[in-house]
Amino acid sequence: PCRKETQVELSLTDARSIGVAAPV
């Protein structure tokens, strides 16, 4: 269901491929 805050979960490969810095 909906959460308090929006969050996007990507693999590190996904994040790099679209130019996003995603910390673990």
PDB file of all heavy atoms in Angstrom:
ATOM      1  N   PRO A   1       0.821  -1.215   0.000  1.00  0.00           N
ATOM      2  CA  PRO A   1       0.000   0.000   0.000  1.00  0.00           C
ATOM      3  C   PRO A   1       0.860   1.272   0.000  1.00  0.00           C
ATOM      4  O   PRO A   1       2.088   1.189   0.021  1.00  0.00           O
ATOM      5  CB  PRO A   1      -0.770  -0.130   1.323  1.00  0.00           C
ATOM      6  CG  PRO A   1       0.150  -0.912   2.216  1.00  0.00           C
ATOM      7  CD  PRO A   1       0.879  -1.866   1.308  1.00  0.00           C
ATOM      8  N   CYS A   2       0.196   2.422  -0.020  1.00  0.00           N
ATOM      9  CA  CYS A   2       0.926   3.691   0.018  1.00  0.00           C
ATOM     10  C   CYS A   2       1.760   3.774   1.290  1.00  0.00           C
ATOM     11  O   CYS A   2       1.409   3.191   2.317  1.00  0.00           O
ATOM     12  CB  CYS A   2      -0.041   4.873  -0.038  1.00  0.00           C
ATOM     13  SG  CYS A   2      -0.748   5.124  -1.667  1.00  0.00           S
ATOM     14  N   ARG A   3       2.852   4.497   1.204  1.00  0.00           N
ATOM     15  CA  ARG A   3       3.753   4.703   2.337  1.00  0.00           C
ATOM     16  C   ARG A   3       3.785   6.172   2.718  1.00  0.00           C
ATOM     17  O   ARG A   3       3.264   7.026   2.002  1.00  0.00           O
ATOM     18  CB  ARG A   3       5.167   4.249   1.973  1.00  0.00           C
ATOM     19  CG  ARG A   3       5.285   2.744   1.801  1.00  0.00           C
ATOM     20  CD  ARG A   3       6.716   2.340   1.787  1.00  0.00           C
ATOM     21  NE  ARG A   3       6.862   0.892   1.743  1.00  0.00           N
ATOM     22  CZ  ARG A   3       8.019   0.283   1.757  1.00  0.00           C
ATOM     23  NH1 ARG A   3       9.148   0.976   1.813  1.00  0.00           N
ATOM     24  NH2 ARG A   3       8.092  -1.020   1.711  1.00  0.00           N
ATOM     25  N   LYS A   4       4.451   6.446   3.817  1.00  0.00           N
ATOM     26  CA  LYS A   4       4.588   7.821   4.292  1.00  0.00           C
ATOM     27  C   LYS A   4       5.371   8.668   3.293  1.00  0.00           C
ATOM     28  O   LYS A   4       5.030   9.818   3.030  1.00  0.00           O
ATOM     29  CB  LYS A   4       5.293   7.812   5.655  1.00  0.00           C
ATOM     30  CG  LYS A   4       5.435   9.164   6.292  1.00  0.00           C
ATOM     31  CD  LYS A   4       6.133   9.037   7.651  1.00  0.00           C
ATOM     32  CE  LYS A   4       6.754  10.362   8.024  1.00  0.00           C
ATOM     33  NZ  LYS A   4       7.750  10.253   9.072  1.00  0.00           N
ATOM     34  N   GLU A   5       6.442   8.088   2.726  1.00  0.00           N
ATOM     35  CA  GLU A   5       7.267   8.808   1.753  1.00  0.00           C
ATOM     36  C   GLU A   5       7.493   7.947   0.512  1.00  0.00           C
ATOM     37  O   GLU A   5       7.580   6.733   0.609  1.00  0.00           O
ATOM     38  CB  GLU A   5       8.640   9.156   2.349  1.00  0.00           C
ATOM     39  CG  GLU A   5       8.591  10.169   3.466  1.00  0.00           C
ATOM     40  CD  GLU A   5       9.980  10.558   3.932  1.00  0.00           C
ATOM     41  OE1 GLU A   5      10.540   9.826   4.767  1.00  0.00           O
ATOM     42  OE2 GLU A   5      10.506  11.577   3.428  1.00  0.00           O
ATOM     43  N   THR A   6       7.600   8.611  -0.626  1.00  0.00           N
ATOM     44  CA  THR A   6       7.850   7.907  -1.877  1.00  0.00           C
ATOM     45  C   THR A   6       9.297   7.426  -1.922  1.00  0.00           C
ATOM     46  O   THR A   6      10.212   8.142  -1.511  1.00  0.00           O
ATOM     47  CB  THR A   6       7.539   8.831  -3.071  1.00  0.00           C
ATOM     48  OG1 THR A   6       6.124   9.126  -3.041  1.00  0.00           O
ATOM     49  CG2 THR A   6       7.890   8.189  -4.399  1.00  0.00           C
ATOM     50  N   GLN A   7       9.482   6.202  -2.421  1.00  0.00           N
ATOM     51  CA  GLN A   7      10.802   5.582  -2.494  1.00  0.00           C
ATOM     52  C   GLN A   7      10.890   4.765  -3.776  1.00  0.00           C
ATOM     53  O   GLN A   7       9.964   4.046  -4.120  1.00  0.00           O
ATOM     54  CB  GLN A   7      10.979   4.669  -1.281  1.00  0.00           C
ATOM     55  CG  GLN A   7      12.229   3.830  -1.274  1.00  0.00           C
ATOM     56  CD  GLN A   7      12.326   3.016   0.008  1.00  0.00           C
ATOM     57  OE1 GLN A   7      12.407   3.559   1.098  1.00  0.00           O
ATOM     58  NE2 GLN A   7      12.302   1.701  -0.125  1.00  0.00           N
ATOM     59  N   VAL A   8      12.015   4.883  -4.479  1.00  0.00           N
ATOM     60  CA  VAL A   8      12.274   4.114  -5.693  1.00  0.00           C
ATOM     61  C   VAL A   8      13.415   3.152  -5.385  1.00  0.00           C
ATOM     62  O   VAL A   8      14.464   3.580  -4.901  1.00  0.00           O
ATOM     63  CB  VAL A   8      12.661   5.043  -6.867  1.00  0.00           C
ATOM     64  CG1 VAL A   8      12.968   4.236  -8.118  1.00  0.00           C
ATOM     65  CG2 VAL A   8      11.553   6.065  -7.134  1.00  0.00           C
ATOM     66  N   GLU A   9      13.205   1.862  -5.650  1.00  0.00           N
ATOM     67  CA  GLU A   9      14.238   0.859  -5.414  1.00  0.00           C
ATOM     68  C   GLU A   9      14.720   0.311  -6.751  1.00  0.00           C
ATOM     69  O   GLU A   9      13.941  -0.263  -7.510  1.00  0.00           O
ATOM     70  CB  GLU A   9      13.711  -0.268  -4.527  1.00  0.00           C
ATOM     71  CG  GLU A   9      13.397   0.198  -3.116  1.00  0.00           C
ATOM     72  CD  GLU A   9      12.975  -0.916  -2.186  1.00  0.00           C
ATOM     73  OE1 GLU A   9      13.463  -2.061  -2.354  1.00  0.00           O
ATOM     74  OE2 GLU A   9      12.153  -0.644  -1.291  1.00  0.00           O
ATOM     75  N   LEU A  10      16.013   0.527  -7.024  1.00  0.00           N
ATOM     76  CA  LEU A  10      16.645   0.086  -8.261  1.00  0.00           C
ATOM     77  C   LEU A  10      17.861  -0.768  -7.921  1.00  0.00           C
ATOM     78  O   LEU A  10      18.433  -0.620  -6.848  1.00  0.00           O
ATOM     79  CB  LEU A  10      17.122   1.293  -9.084  1.00  0.00           C
ATOM     80  CG  LEU A  10      16.097   2.340  -9.477  1.00  0.00           C
ATOM     81  CD1 LEU A  10      16.788   3.522 -10.158  1.00  0.00           C
ATOM     82  CD2 LEU A  10      15.038   1.747 -10.396  1.00  0.00           C
ATOM     83  N   SER A  11      18.269  -1.615  -8.849  1.00  0.00           N
ATOM     84  CA  SER A  11      19.572  -2.264  -8.688  1.00  0.00           C
ATOM     85  C   SER A  11      20.626  -1.214  -9.006  1.00  0.00           C
ATOM     86  O   SER A  11      20.328  -0.168  -9.605  1.00  0.00           O
ATOM     87  CB  SER A  11      19.699  -3.452  -9.645  1.00  0.00           C
ATOM     88  OG  SER A  11      19.845  -2.995 -10.981  1.00  0.00           O
ATOM     89  N   LEU A  12      21.867  -1.465  -8.628  1.00  0.00           N
ATOM     90  CA  LEU A  12      22.932  -0.508  -8.943  1.00  0.00           C
ATOM     91  C   LEU A  12      23.117  -0.374 -10.452  1.00  0.00           C
ATOM     92  O   LEU A  12      23.376   0.723 -10.960  1.00  0.00           O
ATOM     93  CB  LEU A  12      24.231  -0.913  -8.253  1.00  0.00           C
ATOM     94  CG  LEU A  12      24.206  -0.792  -6.726  1.00  0.00           C
ATOM     95  CD1 LEU A  12      25.487  -1.356  -6.122  1.00  0.00           C
ATOM     96  CD2 LEU A  12      23.984   0.653  -6.289  1.00  0.00           C
ATOM     97  N   THR A  13      22.953  -1.469 -11.196  1.00  0.00           N
ATOM     98  CA  THR A  13      23.043  -1.406 -12.655  1.00  0.00           C
ATOM     99  C   THR A  13      21.933  -0.524 -13.216  1.00  0.00           C
ATOM    100  O   THR A  13      22.174   0.324 -14.087  1.00  0.00           O
ATOM    101  CB  THR A  13      22.975  -2.817 -13.273  1.00  0.00           C
ATOM    102  OG1 THR A  13      24.065  -3.591 -12.782  1.00  0.00           O
ATOM    103  CG2 THR A  13      23.027  -2.765 -14.791  1.00  0.00           C
ATOM    104  N   ASP A  14      20.702  -0.720 -12.729  1.00  0.00           N
ATOM    105  CA  ASP A  14      19.577   0.128 -13.160  1.00  0.00           C
ATOM    106  C   ASP A  14      19.889   1.597 -12.918  1.00  0.00           C
ATOM    107  O   ASP A  14      19.700   2.443 -13.798  1.00  0.00           O
ATOM    108  CB  ASP A  14      18.305  -0.207 -12.364  1.00  0.00           C
ATOM    109  CG  ASP A  14      17.624  -1.487 -12.795  1.00  0.00           C
ATOM    110  OD1 ASP A  14      17.928  -2.014 -13.880  1.00  0.00           O
ATOM    111  OD2 ASP A  14      16.756  -1.952 -12.028  1.00  0.00           O
ATOM    112  N   ALA A  15      20.333   1.903 -11.704  1.00  0.00           N
ATOM    113  CA  ALA A  15      20.586   3.297 -11.323  1.00  0.00           C
ATOM    114  C   ALA A  15      21.643   3.924 -12.231  1.00  0.00           C
ATOM    115  O   ALA A  15      21.455   5.028 -12.752  1.00  0.00           O
ATOM    116  CB  ALA A  15      21.010   3.377  -9.855  1.00  0.00           C
ATOM    117  N   ARG A  16      22.755   3.218 -12.429  1.00  0.00           N
ATOM    118  CA  ARG A  16      23.820   3.754 -13.301  1.00  0.00           C
ATOM    119  C   ARG A  16      23.319   3.971 -14.714  1.00  0.00           C
ATOM    120  O   ARG A  16      23.673   4.944 -15.369  1.00  0.00           O
ATOM    121  CB  ARG A  16      25.028   2.809 -13.313  1.00  0.00           C
ATOM    122  CG  ARG A  16      25.866   2.903 -12.070  1.00  0.00           C
ATOM    123  CD  ARG A  16      27.159   2.062 -12.190  1.00  0.00           C
ATOM    124  NE  ARG A  16      27.686   1.824 -10.866  1.00  0.00           N
ATOM    125  CZ  ARG A  16      27.635   0.675 -10.218  1.00  0.00           C
ATOM    126  NH1 ARG A  16      27.088  -0.377 -10.781  1.00  0.00           N
ATOM    127  NH2 ARG A  16      28.124   0.560  -9.012  1.00  0.00           N
ATOM    128  N   SER A  17      22.503   3.044 -15.211  1.00  0.00           N
ATOM    129  CA  SER A  17      22.060   3.116 -16.605  1.00  0.00           C
ATOM    130  C   SER A  17      21.194   4.340 -16.885  1.00  0.00           C
ATOM    131  O   SER A  17      21.166   4.816 -18.016  1.00  0.00           O
ATOM    132  CB  SER A  17      21.334   1.837 -17.019  1.00  0.00           C
ATOM    133  OG  SER A  17      20.050   1.766 -16.446  1.00  0.00           O
ATOM    134  N   ILE A  18      20.499   4.860 -15.875  1.00  0.00           N
ATOM    135  CA  ILE A  18      19.683   6.068 -16.100  1.00  0.00           C
ATOM    136  C   ILE A  18      20.292   7.305 -15.443  1.00  0.00           C
ATOM    137  O   ILE A  18      19.670   8.369 -15.428  1.00  0.00           O
ATOM    138  CB  ILE A  18      18.211   5.872 -15.654  1.00  0.00           C
ATOM    139  CG1 ILE A  18      18.080   5.629 -14.149  1.00  0.00           C
ATOM    140  CG2 ILE A  18      17.551   4.769 -16.478  1.00  0.00           C
ATOM    141  CD1 ILE A  18      16.651   5.728 -13.635  1.00  0.00           C
ATOM    142  N   GLY A  19      21.503   7.174 -14.904  1.00  0.00           N
ATOM    143  CA  GLY A  19      22.194   8.342 -14.361  1.00  0.00           C
ATOM    144  C   GLY A  19      21.717   8.792 -12.999  1.00  0.00           C
ATOM    145  O   GLY A  19      21.608   9.985 -12.730  1.00  0.00           O
ATOM    146  N   VAL A  20      21.448   7.841 -12.125  1.00  0.00           N
ATOM    147  CA  VAL A  20      21.004   8.155 -10.766  1.00  0.00           C
ATOM    148  C   VAL A  20      21.999   7.569  -9.767  1.00  0.00           C
ATOM    149  O   VAL A  20      22.404   6.418  -9.905  1.00  0.00           O
ATOM    150  CB  VAL A  20      19.596   7.572 -10.483  1.00  0.00           C
ATOM    151  CG1 VAL A  20      19.183   7.805  -9.040  1.00  0.00           C
ATOM    152  CG2 VAL A  20      18.564   8.179 -11.421  1.00  0.00           C
ATOM    153  N   ALA A  21      22.377   8.359  -8.777  1.00  0.00           N
ATOM    154  CA  ALA A  21      23.228   7.865  -7.691  1.00  0.00           C
ATOM    155  C   ALA A  21      22.321   7.268  -6.620  1.00  0.00           C
ATOM    156  O   ALA A  21      21.584   7.991  -5.968  1.00  0.00           O
ATOM    157  CB  ALA A  21      24.056   9.005  -7.113  1.00  0.00           C
ATOM    158  N   ALA A  22      22.366   5.947  -6.479  1.00  0.00           N
ATOM    159  CA  ALA A  22      21.494   5.255  -5.529  1.00  0.00           C
ATOM    160  C   ALA A  22      22.346   4.584  -4.457  1.00  0.00           C
ATOM    161  O   ALA A  22      22.978   3.569  -4.720  1.00  0.00           O
ATOM    162  CB  ALA A  22      20.639   4.218  -6.245  1.00  0.00           C
ATOM    163  N   PRO A  23      22.372   5.137  -3.249  1.00  0.00           N
ATOM    164  CA  PRO A  23      23.138   4.482  -2.187  1.00  0.00           C
ATOM    165  C   PRO A  23      22.470   3.181  -1.758  1.00  0.00           C
ATOM    166  O   PRO A  23      21.261   3.017  -1.892  1.00  0.00           O
ATOM    167  CB  PRO A  23      23.100   5.509  -1.048  1.00  0.00           C
ATOM    168  CG  PRO A  23      21.837   6.274  -1.278  1.00  0.00           C
ATOM    169  CD  PRO A  23      21.668   6.332  -2.771  1.00  0.00           C
ATOM    170  N   VAL A  24      23.278   2.244  -1.256  1.00  0.00           N
ATOM    171  CA  VAL A  24      22.739   0.990  -0.722  1.00  0.00           C
ATOM    172  C   VAL A  24      22.222   1.282   0.675  1.00  0.00           C
ATOM    173  O   VAL A  24      22.977   1.698   1.554  1.00  0.00           O
ATOM    174  CB  VAL A  24      23.817  -0.114  -0.694  1.00  0.00           C
ATOM    175  CG1 VAL A  24      23.270  -1.383  -0.054  1.00  0.00           C
ATOM    176  CG2 VAL A  24      24.335  -0.384  -2.105  1.00  0.00           C
TER     177      VAL A  24
END
